[in-house]
Amino acid sequence: MIKKQSLEELKKLLGELKSVKQDIVPKEEVYKEYIREIDGKKYIALDDLTKGQFITNERYLCTLNNGETIIREKIMKAKKDGSAVIVIPVTDDNEVIVTVEPRAFTEQTVGIGFPAGYIEAGEKREDSALRELQEEVGVIPKKLIPLASFYQDEGISAAKNTAYIALGCTEGYERNLDEGEFVEYFKCSFEEVLELQEQGYIEGSNSVIAIEKAKKYFDTKGKVKQKYLK
């Protein structure tokens, strides 16, 4: 069973980061700085528009081996494919560090998961995982083990995510969150992580896949198996 104190702490963090109001930004407000006037008519300068957007899309005409053609749109994030890493941090005391972040468009408007983030241009996946660990929860691990790689959404994206488990995490390093990024965290046992998932607190596909792949690293008491600590 999840300790009452741990669950109360979790509910407090969920309450702090929950969205209480969401307003659609009017289109004229979104596009106002991209409107250009030519011969008395107003146009949206698309080239300028995409420069300021994090999410854009590209349209492709794809020719198949059977001679047929299909049109597909690919989502881009900051002009990259959006590949990311997700890491389950575990301390020497077998405590798992879990994050709480705003997820405005989910049912609860807030999500529970693990440190994660996009891979920067030219950055190795392992380096990205280590960077996200320190930036989001202020830890450095003794050992980083890849769990699985998987596509985020094959139909509209080339993003390939990689999940890791980080063992022997040392806490106390300075965090470095991006502007507009709000990440809280707490520690619990791996057994409690499984219970949080079972109770519907952890619902993100990245987190669910990472948890499933991490199970083999823990014994029946929720401790990391000795053979993985060597």
Foldseek 3Di string as FASTA:
>chain_A
DDDPVVVVVVVVLLVVAFDPDDDDDDPCVLQVVQWDADPNDIDGNVVVSVQPDQKDKDWDWDADPVRDIDIAIAIHGNNHQFAKEFEFEAAPVQKTKKKKWQPCPDPRRIAIAGQMDGADPPHDRVRRVQLSCCQAFNKGAPDKAWQDWAAPDVRHTPHIYTYIYGYNIDHDHDHHDDVPTDMDIDIDFLVVVVVCVVVPRHDDPNRVSNNVSCVVQADPVRHGDPVVVD
